[in-house]
Amino acid sequence: MTSRRMMVKHYAQAVILELQQLGYPCELARDVFFRHYKDMRRLFGLEQNVSEFAKMIDEFEQSMNRKYNPNDPNQIFVGHLRHRVRKK
């Protein structure tokens, strides 16, 4: 019988491999995964299949790294709040 912890470990490894398939280098895929894993697991659980979870992580990562464009109506400037969300 497989423990829950071991199943989560295999799920995480599969998501990291899927991120590598999406074009992330090995170390960057691992860093991106662990940067978003806790929040996404809290929000969505582990109900998605591996490829969907990796695509959501990729979407979050791209939106974090996107530069602000004042001509895009889908973006809101929050640069003045950036100091509140600094990583520790």
N, C-alpha and C. Protein backbone atom coordinates (compact mmCIF):
# COMPACT_ATOMS: atom_id res chain seq x y z
N MET A 1 0.84 -1.17 0.00
CA MET A 1 0.00 0.00 0.00
C MET A 1 0.90 1.25 0.00
N THR A 2 0.51 2.26 -0.75
CA THR A 2 1.27 3.48 -0.86
C THR A 2 0.71 4.53 0.09
N SER A 3 1.60 5.19 0.81
CA SER A 3 1.15 6.21 1.75
C SER A 3 0.77 7.49 0.99
N ARG A 4 -0.02 8.31 1.64
CA ARG A 4 -0.45 9.58 1.03
C ARG A 4 0.76 10.46 0.73
N ARG A 5 1.72 10.48 1.62
CA ARG A 5 2.92 11.29 1.43
C ARG A 5 3.68 10.86 0.18
N MET A 6 3.76 9.58 -0.05
CA MET A 6 4.46 9.06 -1.23
C MET A 6 3.69 9.40 -2.50
N MET A 7 2.36 9.37 -2.44
CA MET A 7 1.57 9.73 -3.62
C MET A 7 1.76 11.21 -3.96
N VAL A 8 1.81 12.08 -2.94
CA VAL A 8 2.03 13.50 -3.17
C VAL A 8 3.41 13.73 -3.75
N LYS A 9 4.40 12.96 -3.29
CA LYS A 9 5.76 13.09 -3.82
C LYS A 9 5.80 12.72 -5.29
N HIS A 10 5.14 11.63 -5.67
CA HIS A 10 5.11 11.22 -7.07
C HIS A 10 4.36 12.24 -7.92
N TYR A 11 3.29 12.81 -7.37
CA TYR A 11 2.52 13.83 -8.08
C TYR A 11 3.41 15.04 -8.34
N ALA A 12 4.16 15.48 -7.32
CA ALA A 12 5.04 16.64 -7.45
C ALA A 12 6.12 16.38 -8.50
N GLN A 13 6.72 15.19 -8.47
CA GLN A 13 7.75 14.85 -9.45
C GLN A 13 7.18 14.86 -10.87
N ALA A 14 5.95 14.37 -11.02
CA ALA A 14 5.33 14.35 -12.34
C ALA A 14 5.02 15.77 -12.83
N VAL A 15 4.60 16.65 -11.92
CA VAL A 15 4.33 18.04 -12.31
C VAL A 15 5.63 18.73 -12.73
N ILE A 16 6.71 18.49 -12.01
CA ILE A 16 8.01 19.08 -12.38
C ILE A 16 8.45 18.57 -13.75
N LEU A 17 8.26 17.30 -14.02
CA LEU A 17 8.60 16.76 -15.34
C LEU A 17 7.73 17.39 -16.43
N GLU A 18 6.48 17.64 -16.11
CA GLU A 18 5.58 18.28 -17.08
C GLU A 18 6.00 19.73 -17.33
N LEU A 19 6.46 20.42 -16.29
CA LEU A 19 6.98 21.78 -16.48
C LEU A 19 8.21 21.76 -17.38
N GLN A 20 9.03 20.74 -17.25
CA GLN A 20 10.18 20.61 -18.14
C GLN A 20 9.72 20.40 -19.58
N GLN A 21 8.63 19.67 -19.77
CA GLN A 21 8.08 19.48 -21.11
C GLN A 21 7.55 20.80 -21.69
N LEU A 22 7.13 21.70 -20.80
CA LEU A 22 6.64 23.01 -21.24
C LEU A 22 7.78 23.98 -21.56
N GLY A 23 9.03 23.56 -21.30
CA GLY A 23 10.17 24.36 -21.71
C GLY A 23 11.01 24.93 -20.58
N TYR A 24 10.70 24.61 -19.35
CA TYR A 24 11.51 25.08 -18.23
C TYR A 24 12.73 24.18 -18.06
N PRO A 25 13.91 24.75 -17.85
CA PRO A 25 15.08 23.92 -17.52
C PRO A 25 14.85 23.21 -16.17
N CYS A 26 15.61 22.18 -15.90
CA CYS A 26 15.41 21.32 -14.73
C CYS A 26 15.31 22.09 -13.42
N GLU A 27 16.31 22.88 -13.10
CA GLU A 27 16.33 23.61 -11.83
C GLU A 27 15.24 24.67 -11.77
N LEU A 28 15.00 25.36 -12.89
CA LEU A 28 13.97 26.39 -12.92
C LEU A 28 12.59 25.76 -12.76
N ALA A 29 12.38 24.60 -13.34
CA ALA A 29 11.09 23.91 -13.19
C ALA A 29 10.83 23.58 -11.73
N ARG A 30 11.85 23.13 -11.04
CA ARG A 30 11.71 22.81 -9.62
C ARG A 30 11.44 24.08 -8.81
N ASP A 31 12.18 25.15 -9.10
CA ASP A 31 11.98 26.41 -8.38
C ASP A 31 10.58 26.97 -8.60
N VAL A 32 10.13 26.95 -9.85
CA VAL A 32 8.80 27.46 -10.17
C VAL A 32 7.73 26.63 -9.48
N PHE A 33 7.91 25.32 -9.48
CA PHE A 33 6.94 24.44 -8.83
C PHE A 33 6.81 24.77 -7.35
N PHE A 34 7.94 24.85 -6.65
CA PHE A 34 7.87 25.10 -5.21
C PHE A 34 7.45 26.52 -4.88
N ARG A 35 7.63 27.46 -5.80
CA ARG A 35 7.19 28.83 -5.58
C ARG A 35 5.66 28.91 -5.53
N HIS A 36 4.98 28.09 -6.33
CA HIS A 36 3.52 28.18 -6.45
C HIS A 36 2.77 27.01 -5.82
N TYR A 37 3.47 25.97 -5.41
CA TYR A 37 2.82 24.73 -5.00
C TYR A 37 1.88 24.91 -3.82
N LYS A 38 2.35 25.52 -2.74
CA LYS A 38 1.52 25.62 -1.53
C LYS A 38 0.22 26.38 -1.78
N ASP A 39 0.33 27.53 -2.43
CA ASP A 39 -0.86 28.34 -2.69
C ASP A 39 -1.84 27.62 -3.62
N MET A 40 -1.32 27.00 -4.65
CA MET A 40 -2.20 26.32 -5.60
C MET A 40 -2.81 25.07 -4.99
N ARG A 41 -2.08 24.39 -4.17
CA ARG A 41 -2.64 23.21 -3.51
C ARG A 41 -3.75 23.63 -2.56
N ARG A 42 -3.54 24.76 -1.87
CA ARG A 42 -4.56 25.27 -0.96
C ARG A 42 -5.83 25.66 -1.73
N LEU A 43 -5.65 26.27 -2.90
CA LEU A 43 -6.80 26.72 -3.68
C LEU A 43 -7.50 25.59 -4.42
N PHE A 44 -6.73 24.73 -5.09
CA PHE A 44 -7.30 23.75 -6.00
C PHE A 44 -7.18 22.31 -5.53
N GLY A 45 -6.38 22.05 -4.53
CA GLY A 45 -6.13 20.68 -4.11
C GLY A 45 -5.29 19.96 -5.15
N LEU A 46 -5.28 18.65 -5.08
CA LEU A 46 -4.52 17.85 -6.04
C LEU A 46 -5.48 17.09 -6.95
N GLU A 47 -6.60 17.73 -7.26
CA GLU A 47 -7.62 17.07 -8.06
C GLU A 47 -7.33 17.10 -9.55
N GLN A 48 -6.58 18.10 -10.01
CA GLN A 48 -6.28 18.20 -11.44
C GLN A 48 -5.26 17.13 -11.82
N ASN A 49 -5.29 16.78 -13.11
CA ASN A 49 -4.25 15.88 -13.54
C ASN A 49 -2.95 16.66 -13.64
N VAL A 50 -1.87 15.96 -13.83
CA VAL A 50 -0.54 16.55 -13.77
C VAL A 50 -0.35 17.65 -14.81
N SER A 51 -0.80 17.43 -16.03
CA SER A 51 -0.58 18.43 -17.07
C SER A 51 -1.39 19.69 -16.82
N GLU A 52 -2.61 19.58 -16.31
CA GLU A 52 -3.41 20.76 -16.00
C GLU A 52 -2.79 21.56 -14.87
N PHE A 53 -2.29 20.88 -13.86
CA PHE A 53 -1.65 21.55 -12.73
C PHE A 53 -0.39 22.28 -13.19
N ALA A 54 0.39 21.65 -14.06
CA ALA A 54 1.61 22.28 -14.58
C ALA A 54 1.27 23.48 -15.45
N LYS A 55 0.21 23.39 -16.23
CA LYS A 55 -0.20 24.52 -17.07
C LYS A 55 -0.66 25.70 -16.21
N MET A 56 -1.35 25.42 -15.11
CA MET A 56 -1.76 26.50 -14.21
C MET A 56 -0.55 27.16 -13.56
N ILE A 57 0.43 26.37 -13.15
CA ILE A 57 1.65 26.92 -12.58
C ILE A 57 2.36 27.79 -13.61
N ASP A 58 2.43 27.32 -14.84
CA ASP A 58 3.06 28.08 -15.92
C ASP A 58 2.32 29.40 -16.15
N GLU A 59 1.01 29.35 -16.14
CA GLU A 59 0.22 30.58 -16.33
C GLU A 59 0.47 31.57 -15.21
N PHE A 60 0.52 31.11 -13.97
CA PHE A 60 0.79 31.99 -12.83
C PHE A 60 2.19 32.60 -12.94
N GLU A 61 3.16 31.78 -13.32
CA GLU A 61 4.54 32.26 -13.43
C GLU A 61 4.65 33.32 -14.53
N GLN A 62 4.02 33.09 -15.66
CA GLN A 62 4.07 34.07 -16.74
C GLN A 62 3.37 35.36 -16.35
N SER A 63 2.26 35.27 -15.64
CA SER A 63 1.56 36.49 -15.24
C SER A 63 2.36 37.27 -14.19
N MET A 64 3.13 36.58 -13.36
CA MET A 64 3.97 37.28 -12.39
C MET A 64 5.11 38.03 -13.07
N ASN A 65 5.62 37.49 -14.16
CA ASN A 65 6.77 38.08 -14.83
C ASN A 65 6.39 39.05 -15.95
N ARG A 66 5.10 39.21 -16.20
CA ARG A 66 4.65 40.11 -17.26
C ARG A 66 4.83 41.55 -16.83
N LYS A 67 5.34 42.35 -17.73
CA LYS A 67 5.53 43.78 -17.47
C LYS A 67 4.20 44.50 -17.59
N TYR A 68 4.06 45.58 -16.83
CA TYR A 68 2.83 46.37 -16.85
C TYR A 68 2.73 47.15 -18.15
N ASN A 69 1.58 47.05 -18.79
CA ASN A 69 1.30 47.79 -20.01
C ASN A 69 0.09 48.67 -19.75
N PRO A 70 0.25 49.99 -19.68
CA PRO A 70 -0.88 50.87 -19.37
C PRO A 70 -1.97 50.86 -20.45
N ASN A 71 -1.66 50.39 -21.64
CA ASN A 71 -2.65 50.34 -22.71
C ASN A 71 -3.50 49.08 -22.69
N ASP A 72 -3.15 48.13 -21.84
CA ASP A 72 -3.90 46.87 -21.74
C ASP A 72 -4.98 47.01 -20.68
N PRO A 73 -6.27 46.96 -21.05
CA PRO A 73 -7.35 47.14 -20.07
C PRO A 73 -7.48 45.98 -19.09
N ASN A 74 -6.82 44.85 -19.35
CA ASN A 74 -6.91 43.70 -18.46
C ASN A 74 -5.86 43.72 -17.36
N GLN A 75 -5.03 44.75 -17.30
CA GLN A 75 -4.00 44.85 -16.28
C GLN A 75 -4.28 46.03 -15.36
N ILE A 76 -3.98 45.82 -14.10
CA ILE A 76 -4.14 46.87 -13.09
C ILE A 76 -2.78 47.12 -12.49
N PHE A 77 -2.39 48.38 -12.38
CA PHE A 77 -1.09 48.72 -11.83
C PHE A 77 -1.12 48.54 -10.31
N VAL A 78 -0.22 47.71 -9.80
CA VAL A 78 -0.11 47.49 -8.37
C VAL A 78 1.34 47.64 -7.92
N GLY A 79 2.14 48.33 -8.71
CA GLY A 79 3.55 48.51 -8.39
C GLY A 79 3.77 49.21 -7.07
N HIS A 80 2.84 50.10 -6.70
CA HIS A 80 2.98 50.81 -5.44
C HIS A 80 2.75 49.89 -4.24
N LEU A 81 2.22 48.67 -4.45
CA LEU A 81 1.99 47.70 -3.38
C LEU A 81 3.06 46.62 -3.34
N ARG A 82 4.00 46.68 -4.25
CA ARG A 82 5.01 45.62 -4.39
C ARG A 82 5.80 45.41 -3.11
N HIS A 83 6.08 46.47 -2.37
CA HIS A 83 6.88 46.34 -1.15
C HIS A 83 6.16 45.52 -0.09
N ARG A 84 4.83 45.40 -0.17
CA ARG A 84 4.07 44.62 0.81
C ARG A 84 4.14 43.13 0.56
N VAL A 85 4.42 42.73 -0.66
CA VAL A 85 4.42 41.31 -1.00
C VAL A 85 5.81 40.77 -1.28
N ARG A 86 6.81 41.39 -0.78
CA ARG A 86 8.18 40.90 -1.00
C ARG A 86 8.33 39.53 -0.37
N LYS A 87 9.12 38.71 -1.03
CA LYS A 87 9.36 37.36 -0.52
C LYS A 87 10.38 37.41 0.59
N LYS A 88 10.20 36.57 1.53
CA LYS A 88 11.09 36.51 2.69
C LYS A 88 12.16 35.51 2.50
